[in-house]
Each structure stands twice: as structure tokens, then as C-alpha cells.
Amino acid sequence: MILNLKIVKVNAEYCDYLRKYDKKVAYNKNEKDLRPFIGVLFNIGKYEYFAPLTSPKPKHLKMKNTLDFLKIKNGELGAVNFNNMIPVMPSNYKLLDLDKISINNLERKYIKLLEEQRLWLNENYKSIKNKSKKLYDLYNCGKLNKNIMDRCCNFKLLEEKCNEYNNLTIKS
């Protein structure tokens, strides 16, 4: 069975916690308040891995897909930054309800973009899952070229910090 990718919002406090240990973790509050993540890319034990989405930018049309970066619909719908994917547990995110009633035109436009991104990503799920898992494996084996390695989050360290964070919040 193919699991459909979800669009979620990862808890900002959780991202802030991870960023204390790895500066490559994407920001998720203030001007990036609704930064969506696409997930579940793959599972490693008890972790689900999610990657941040980015809105379309003119530069995406000229950029090439790489192991750590994927243009959505040739860049027309933005991109996925696999290098910034993070481990999460279910308590660290909430599903974005794309069916909610939009308040204004700007929000309606944003919801429409997210729906189009989700549709394209689900149509390409198998290759997205394989690409993200390959990046994870090559990073952890030290077999990536230095440029890509330097752009990636430290996945194993973030898994440790994910455990730590979730154990702390359970005790609180």
C-alpha cells in the first residue's frame, strides 16, 4: 500500500529546540509561520521524516534537481528541500486541514498552492520516498560529496535530540 504524503505544520518550539543543535533546521515561526512540511517521506524506527516545502520562486525554474532538492512540477509549484528534512514523532506536528474555509484571497491562494503541491507530490510518491531515503543513507555513511553534505541536517544527531525533546515533554 502506498501511503499518501501529508502536509503538516511542525511544532515551532520543536524546530527551535532542534536548531540549538543543528542550524540547518528550517525556521517555522514569525515570517515563516505557516511553513509547511511534506511527510511522511519515510520511517526509520519510531521516527517519521518530513522535509520543508518552499513556495515557487523564479530561481526554481532555472535550478536543477539534485539529490537534496526537488522542484515540484519543474519549479512552477515550488520545491522540496530534502537536505533540511527532520525526524518527528506524531506529537511534534499537526496535519494542515486544506479543506478549511479560507478567510481571504491570499489564504485561499496559499491553500490552493498547497493542494497542488500535495497532488503532484503524491503522484510522484515512490521516487520522492526513494530520493529522501537515499540522501539519508548516503549522509549517514559519509558517502555524499562535500557540497551536499554541508547543506544537510545531521540526521542521526537530530534523531537523538528528537528522543530527548519528546522525553522532556512527556515528563512535563
C-alpha atoms as a PDB file:
ATOM      1  CA  MET A   1       0.000   0.000   0.000  1.00  0.00           C
ATOM      2  CA  ILE A   2       1.313   3.450  -0.889  1.00  0.00           C
ATOM      3  CA  LEU A   3       0.951   5.918   1.936  1.00  0.00           C
ATOM      4  CA  ASN A   4      -0.098   9.356   0.760  1.00  0.00           C
ATOM      5  CA  LEU A   5       2.142  12.222   1.722  1.00  0.00           C
ATOM      6  CA  LYS A   6       0.688  14.644   4.236  1.00  0.00           C
ATOM      7  CA  ILE A   7       1.116  18.380   4.506  1.00  0.00           C
ATOM      8  CA  VAL A   8       1.741  19.280   8.125  1.00  0.00           C
ATOM      9  CA  LYS A   9       2.891  22.088  10.364  1.00  0.00           C
ATOM     10  CA  VAL A  10       5.707  21.029  12.657  1.00  0.00           C
ATOM     11  CA  ASN A  11       5.625  22.500  16.166  1.00  0.00           C
ATOM     12  CA  ALA A  12       7.723  25.712  16.169  1.00  0.00           C
ATOM     13  CA  GLU A  13       9.109  25.029  19.658  1.00  0.00           C
ATOM     14  CA  TYR A  14      10.274  21.609  18.480  1.00  0.00           C
ATOM     15  CA  CYS A  15      12.060  23.143  15.462  1.00  0.00           C
ATOM     16  CA  ASP A  16      13.638  25.772  17.749  1.00  0.00           C
ATOM     17  CA  TYR A  17      14.869  23.008  20.050  1.00  0.00           C
ATOM     18  CA  LEU A  18      16.441  21.079  17.170  1.00  0.00           C
ATOM     19  CA  ARG A  19      18.015  24.270  15.797  1.00  0.00           C
ATOM     20  CA  LYS A  20      20.010  24.647  19.030  1.00  0.00           C
ATOM     21  CA  TYR A  21      21.952  21.587  17.871  1.00  0.00           C
ATOM     22  CA  ASP A  22      21.793  21.989  14.094  1.00  0.00           C
ATOM     23  CA  LYS A  23      21.466  25.430  12.488  1.00  0.00           C
ATOM     24  CA  LYS A  24      20.251  23.881   9.222  1.00  0.00           C
ATOM     25  CA  VAL A  25      16.824  23.056  10.686  1.00  0.00           C
ATOM     26  CA  ALA A  26      14.313  25.269   8.862  1.00  0.00           C
ATOM     27  CA  TYR A  27      12.649  28.154  10.686  1.00  0.00           C
ATOM     28  CA  ASN A  28       8.999  27.616  11.406  1.00  0.00           C
ATOM     29  CA  LYS A  29       7.663  30.792  13.011  1.00  0.00           C
ATOM     30  CA  ASN A  30       7.371  34.555  12.603  1.00  0.00           C
ATOM     31  CA  GLU A  31       7.646  35.306   8.871  1.00  0.00           C
ATOM     32  CA  LYS A  32       7.620  31.570   8.148  1.00  0.00           C
ATOM     33  CA  ASP A  33       4.674  30.960  10.490  1.00  0.00           C
ATOM     34  CA  LEU A  34       2.884  28.549   8.207  1.00  0.00           C
ATOM     35  CA  ARG A  35       5.932  26.863   6.690  1.00  0.00           C
ATOM     36  CA  PRO A  36       4.508  23.531   5.682  1.00  0.00           C
ATOM     37  CA  PHE A  37       6.412  20.273   5.722  1.00  0.00           C
ATOM     38  CA  ILE A  38       5.679  17.323   3.494  1.00  0.00           C
ATOM     39  CA  GLY A  39       5.613  13.952   5.174  1.00  0.00           C
ATOM     40  CA  VAL A  40       5.813  11.068   5.782  1.00  0.00           C
ATOM     41  CA  LEU A  41       8.779  10.688   3.444  1.00  0.00           C
ATOM     42  CA  PHE A  42       9.923   7.529   5.150  1.00  0.00           C
ATOM     43  CA  ASN A  43      10.083   5.880   8.567  1.00  0.00           C
ATOM     44  CA  ILE A  44      13.197   4.958  10.500  1.00  0.00           C
ATOM     45  CA  GLY A  45      12.171   3.049  13.593  1.00  0.00           C
ATOM     46  CA  LYS A  46       9.838   5.301  15.553  1.00  0.00           C
ATOM     47  CA  TYR A  47      10.687   8.413  13.506  1.00  0.00           C
ATOM     48  CA  GLU A  48       8.817   9.841  10.580  1.00  0.00           C
ATOM     49  CA  TYR A  49      10.927  12.058   8.342  1.00  0.00           C
ATOM     50  CA  PHE A  50       9.452  15.287   6.986  1.00  0.00           C
ATOM     51  CA  ALA A  51      11.009  17.828   4.621  1.00  0.00           C
ATOM     52  CA  PRO A  52      10.157  21.526   4.329  1.00  0.00           C
ATOM     53  CA  LEU A  53       8.372  22.817   1.264  1.00  0.00           C
ATOM     54  CA  THR A  54       9.203  26.124  -0.324  1.00  0.00           C
ATOM     55  CA  SER A  55       6.910  28.377  -2.349  1.00  0.00           C
ATOM     56  CA  PRO A  56       7.645  28.972  -6.037  1.00  0.00           C
ATOM     57  CA  LYS A  57      10.429  31.420  -6.800  1.00  0.00           C
ATOM     58  CA  PRO A  58      11.794  32.493 -10.197  1.00  0.00           C
ATOM     59  CA  LYS A  59      15.160  30.872  -9.376  1.00  0.00           C
ATOM     60  CA  HIS A  60      13.483  27.443  -9.083  1.00  0.00           C
ATOM     61  CA  LEU A  61      12.728  27.469 -12.802  1.00  0.00           C
ATOM     62  CA  LYS A  62      16.467  27.651 -13.544  1.00  0.00           C
ATOM     63  CA  MET A  63      17.720  25.315 -10.819  1.00  0.00           C
ATOM     64  CA  LYS A  64      18.374  21.628 -11.378  1.00  0.00           C
ATOM     65  CA  ASN A  65      17.011  18.788  -9.311  1.00  0.00           C
ATOM     66  CA  THR A  66      19.700  17.301  -7.104  1.00  0.00           C
ATOM     67  CA  LEU A  67      19.799  14.556  -4.520  1.00  0.00           C
ATOM     68  CA  ASP A  68      18.826  17.056  -1.810  1.00  0.00           C
ATOM     69  CA  PHE A  69      16.488  19.351  -3.794  1.00  0.00           C
ATOM     70  CA  LEU A  70      13.432  18.569  -5.908  1.00  0.00           C
ATOM     71  CA  LYS A  71      11.447  21.023  -7.999  1.00  0.00           C
ATOM     72  CA  ILE A  72       7.713  20.491  -7.818  1.00  0.00           C
ATOM     73  CA  LYS A  73       6.257  20.483 -11.341  1.00  0.00           C
ATOM     74  CA  ASN A  74       9.527  21.852 -12.803  1.00  0.00           C
ATOM     75  CA  GLY A  75       9.620  24.593 -10.151  1.00  0.00           C
ATOM     76  CA  GLU A  76       6.200  26.025 -11.028  1.00  0.00           C
ATOM     77  CA  LEU A  77       4.863  24.887  -7.635  1.00  0.00           C
ATOM     78  CA  GLY A  78       7.991  25.402  -5.533  1.00  0.00           C
ATOM     79  CA  ALA A  79      10.381  22.768  -4.249  1.00  0.00           C
ATOM     80  CA  VAL A  80      11.209  20.269  -1.520  1.00  0.00           C
ATOM     81  CA  ASN A  81      14.409  20.737   0.477  1.00  0.00           C
ATOM     82  CA  PHE A  82      15.412  17.188   1.414  1.00  0.00           C
ATOM     83  CA  ASN A  83      18.640  18.463   2.943  1.00  0.00           C
ATOM     84  CA  ASN A  84      16.544  20.089   5.701  1.00  0.00           C
ATOM     85  CA  MET A  85      14.354  17.077   6.462  1.00  0.00           C
ATOM     86  CA  ILE A  86      13.906  16.333  10.139  1.00  0.00           C
ATOM     87  CA  PRO A  87      12.784  13.392  12.261  1.00  0.00           C
ATOM     88  CA  VAL A  88       9.494  13.841  14.082  1.00  0.00           C
ATOM     89  CA  MET A  89       7.122  11.871  16.242  1.00  0.00           C
ATOM     90  CA  PRO A  90       3.342  12.282  15.941  1.00  0.00           C
ATOM     91  CA  SER A  91       3.236  14.680  18.907  1.00  0.00           C
ATOM     92  CA  ASN A  92       5.581  17.101  17.066  1.00  0.00           C
ATOM     93  CA  TYR A  93       3.240  18.062  14.231  1.00  0.00           C
ATOM     94  CA  LYS A  94      -0.353  18.594  13.221  1.00  0.00           C
ATOM     95  CA  LEU A  95      -1.989  17.889   9.918  1.00  0.00           C
ATOM     96  CA  LEU A  96      -2.896  21.008   7.951  1.00  0.00           C
ATOM     97  CA  ASP A  97      -6.566  20.958   7.038  1.00  0.00           C
ATOM     98  CA  LEU A  98      -6.541  22.133   3.439  1.00  0.00           C
ATOM     99  CA  ASP A  99     -10.315  21.851   3.276  1.00  0.00           C
ATOM    100  CA  LYS A 100     -10.890  24.577   5.846  1.00  0.00           C
ATOM    101  CA  ILE A 101     -12.772  27.667   4.801  1.00  0.00           C
ATOM    102  CA  SER A 102     -10.346  30.387   3.745  1.00  0.00           C
ATOM    103  CA  ILE A 103     -10.721  33.817   5.280  1.00  0.00           C
ATOM    104  CA  ASN A 104      -9.287  35.918   2.483  1.00  0.00           C
ATOM    105  CA  ASN A 105      -8.000  35.706  -1.080  1.00  0.00           C
ATOM    106  CA  LEU A 106      -4.343  35.445  -0.022  1.00  0.00           C
ATOM    107  CA  GLU A 107      -5.094  32.479   2.224  1.00  0.00           C
ATOM    108  CA  ARG A 108      -7.245  30.841  -0.482  1.00  0.00           C
ATOM    109  CA  LYS A 109      -4.377  31.227  -2.954  1.00  0.00           C
ATOM    110  CA  TYR A 110      -1.920  29.679  -0.477  1.00  0.00           C
ATOM    111  CA  ILE A 111      -4.259  26.741   0.261  1.00  0.00           C
ATOM    112  CA  LYS A 112      -4.648  26.167  -3.498  1.00  0.00           C
ATOM    113  CA  LEU A 113      -0.836  26.067  -3.888  1.00  0.00           C
ATOM    114  CA  LEU A 114      -0.542  23.544  -1.038  1.00  0.00           C
ATOM    115  CA  GLU A 115      -3.251  21.370  -2.591  1.00  0.00           C
ATOM    116  CA  GLU A 116      -1.468  21.440  -5.963  1.00  0.00           C
ATOM    117  CA  GLN A 117       1.858  20.632  -4.295  1.00  0.00           C
ATOM    118  CA  ARG A 118       0.318  17.704  -2.402  1.00  0.00           C
ATOM    119  CA  LEU A 119      -1.307  16.326  -5.568  1.00  0.00           C
ATOM    120  CA  TRP A 120       1.947  16.459  -7.564  1.00  0.00           C
ATOM    121  CA  LEU A 121       3.977  15.023  -4.685  1.00  0.00           C
ATOM    122  CA  ASN A 122       1.560  12.134  -4.172  1.00  0.00           C
ATOM    123  CA  GLU A 123       1.668  11.356  -7.906  1.00  0.00           C
ATOM    124  CA  ASN A 124       5.464  11.098  -7.559  1.00  0.00           C
ATOM    125  CA  TYR A 125       5.493   9.480  -4.112  1.00  0.00           C
ATOM    126  CA  LYS A 126       7.667   6.461  -4.872  1.00  0.00           C
ATOM    127  CA  SER A 127      10.534   8.476  -6.390  1.00  0.00           C
ATOM    128  CA  ILE A 128      10.291  11.079  -3.584  1.00  0.00           C
ATOM    129  CA  LYS A 129      10.474   8.388  -0.915  1.00  0.00           C
ATOM    130  CA  ASN A 130      13.430   6.709  -2.644  1.00  0.00           C
ATOM    131  CA  LYS A 131      15.277  10.013  -3.104  1.00  0.00           C
ATOM    132  CA  SER A 132      14.855  11.102   0.515  1.00  0.00           C
ATOM    133  CA  LYS A 133      15.879   7.694   1.886  1.00  0.00           C
ATOM    134  CA  LYS A 134      18.924   7.574  -0.404  1.00  0.00           C
ATOM    135  CA  LEU A 135      20.053  11.002   0.814  1.00  0.00           C
ATOM    136  CA  TYR A 136      19.594   9.878   4.434  1.00  0.00           C
ATOM    137  CA  ASP A 137      21.583   6.678   3.880  1.00  0.00           C
ATOM    138  CA  LEU A 138      24.423   8.327   1.943  1.00  0.00           C
ATOM    139  CA  TYR A 139      24.711  11.118   4.520  1.00  0.00           C
ATOM    140  CA  ASN A 140      24.919   8.661   7.405  1.00  0.00           C
ATOM    141  CA  CYS A 141      27.545   6.562   5.565  1.00  0.00           C
ATOM    142  CA  GLY A 142      29.628   9.669   4.783  1.00  0.00           C
ATOM    143  CA  LYS A 143      29.334   8.988   1.040  1.00  0.00           C
ATOM    144  CA  LEU A 144      27.911  12.340  -0.121  1.00  0.00           C
ATOM    145  CA  ASN A 145      30.006  14.922  -1.888  1.00  0.00           C
ATOM    146  CA  LYS A 146      31.074  17.729   0.441  1.00  0.00           C
ATOM    147  CA  ASN A 147      28.743  20.380  -1.059  1.00  0.00           C
ATOM    148  CA  ILE A 148      25.627  18.310  -0.393  1.00  0.00           C
ATOM    149  CA  MET A 149      26.922  17.051   2.961  1.00  0.00           C
ATOM    150  CA  ASP A 150      27.455  20.646   4.129  1.00  0.00           C
ATOM    151  CA  ARG A 151      23.842  21.574   3.231  1.00  0.00           C
ATOM    152  CA  CYS A 152      22.257  18.666   5.108  1.00  0.00           C
ATOM    153  CA  CYS A 153      20.950  18.471   8.623  1.00  0.00           C
ATOM    154  CA  ASN A 154      22.749  15.980  10.846  1.00  0.00           C
ATOM    155  CA  PHE A 155      20.070  13.296  10.757  1.00  0.00           C
ATOM    156  CA  LYS A 156      21.451  10.990  13.474  1.00  0.00           C
ATOM    157  CA  LEU A 157      22.060  13.884  15.874  1.00  0.00           C
ATOM    158  CA  LEU A 158      18.519  15.142  15.260  1.00  0.00           C
ATOM    159  CA  GLU A 159      17.128  11.679  15.997  1.00  0.00           C
ATOM    160  CA  GLU A 160      18.873  11.792  19.400  1.00  0.00           C
ATOM    161  CA  LYS A 161      17.503  15.287  20.031  1.00  0.00           C
ATOM    162  CA  CYS A 162      14.033  14.207  18.892  1.00  0.00           C
ATOM    163  CA  ASN A 163      14.102  11.495  21.576  1.00  0.00           C
ATOM    164  CA  GLU A 164      15.399  13.957  24.143  1.00  0.00           C
ATOM    165  CA  TYR A 165      12.734  16.564  23.330  1.00  0.00           C
ATOM    166  CA  ASN A 166       9.899  14.066  23.384  1.00  0.00           C
ATOM    167  CA  ASN A 167      11.084  12.533  26.648  1.00  0.00           C
ATOM    168  CA  LEU A 168      11.263  16.008  28.202  1.00  0.00           C
ATOM    169  CA  THR A 169       7.750  16.932  27.056  1.00  0.00           C
ATOM    170  CA  ILE A 170       6.320  13.644  28.333  1.00  0.00           C
ATOM    171  CA  LYS A 171       7.788  14.325  31.789  1.00  0.00           C
ATOM    172  CA  SER A 172       6.490  17.901  31.893  1.00  0.00           C
END
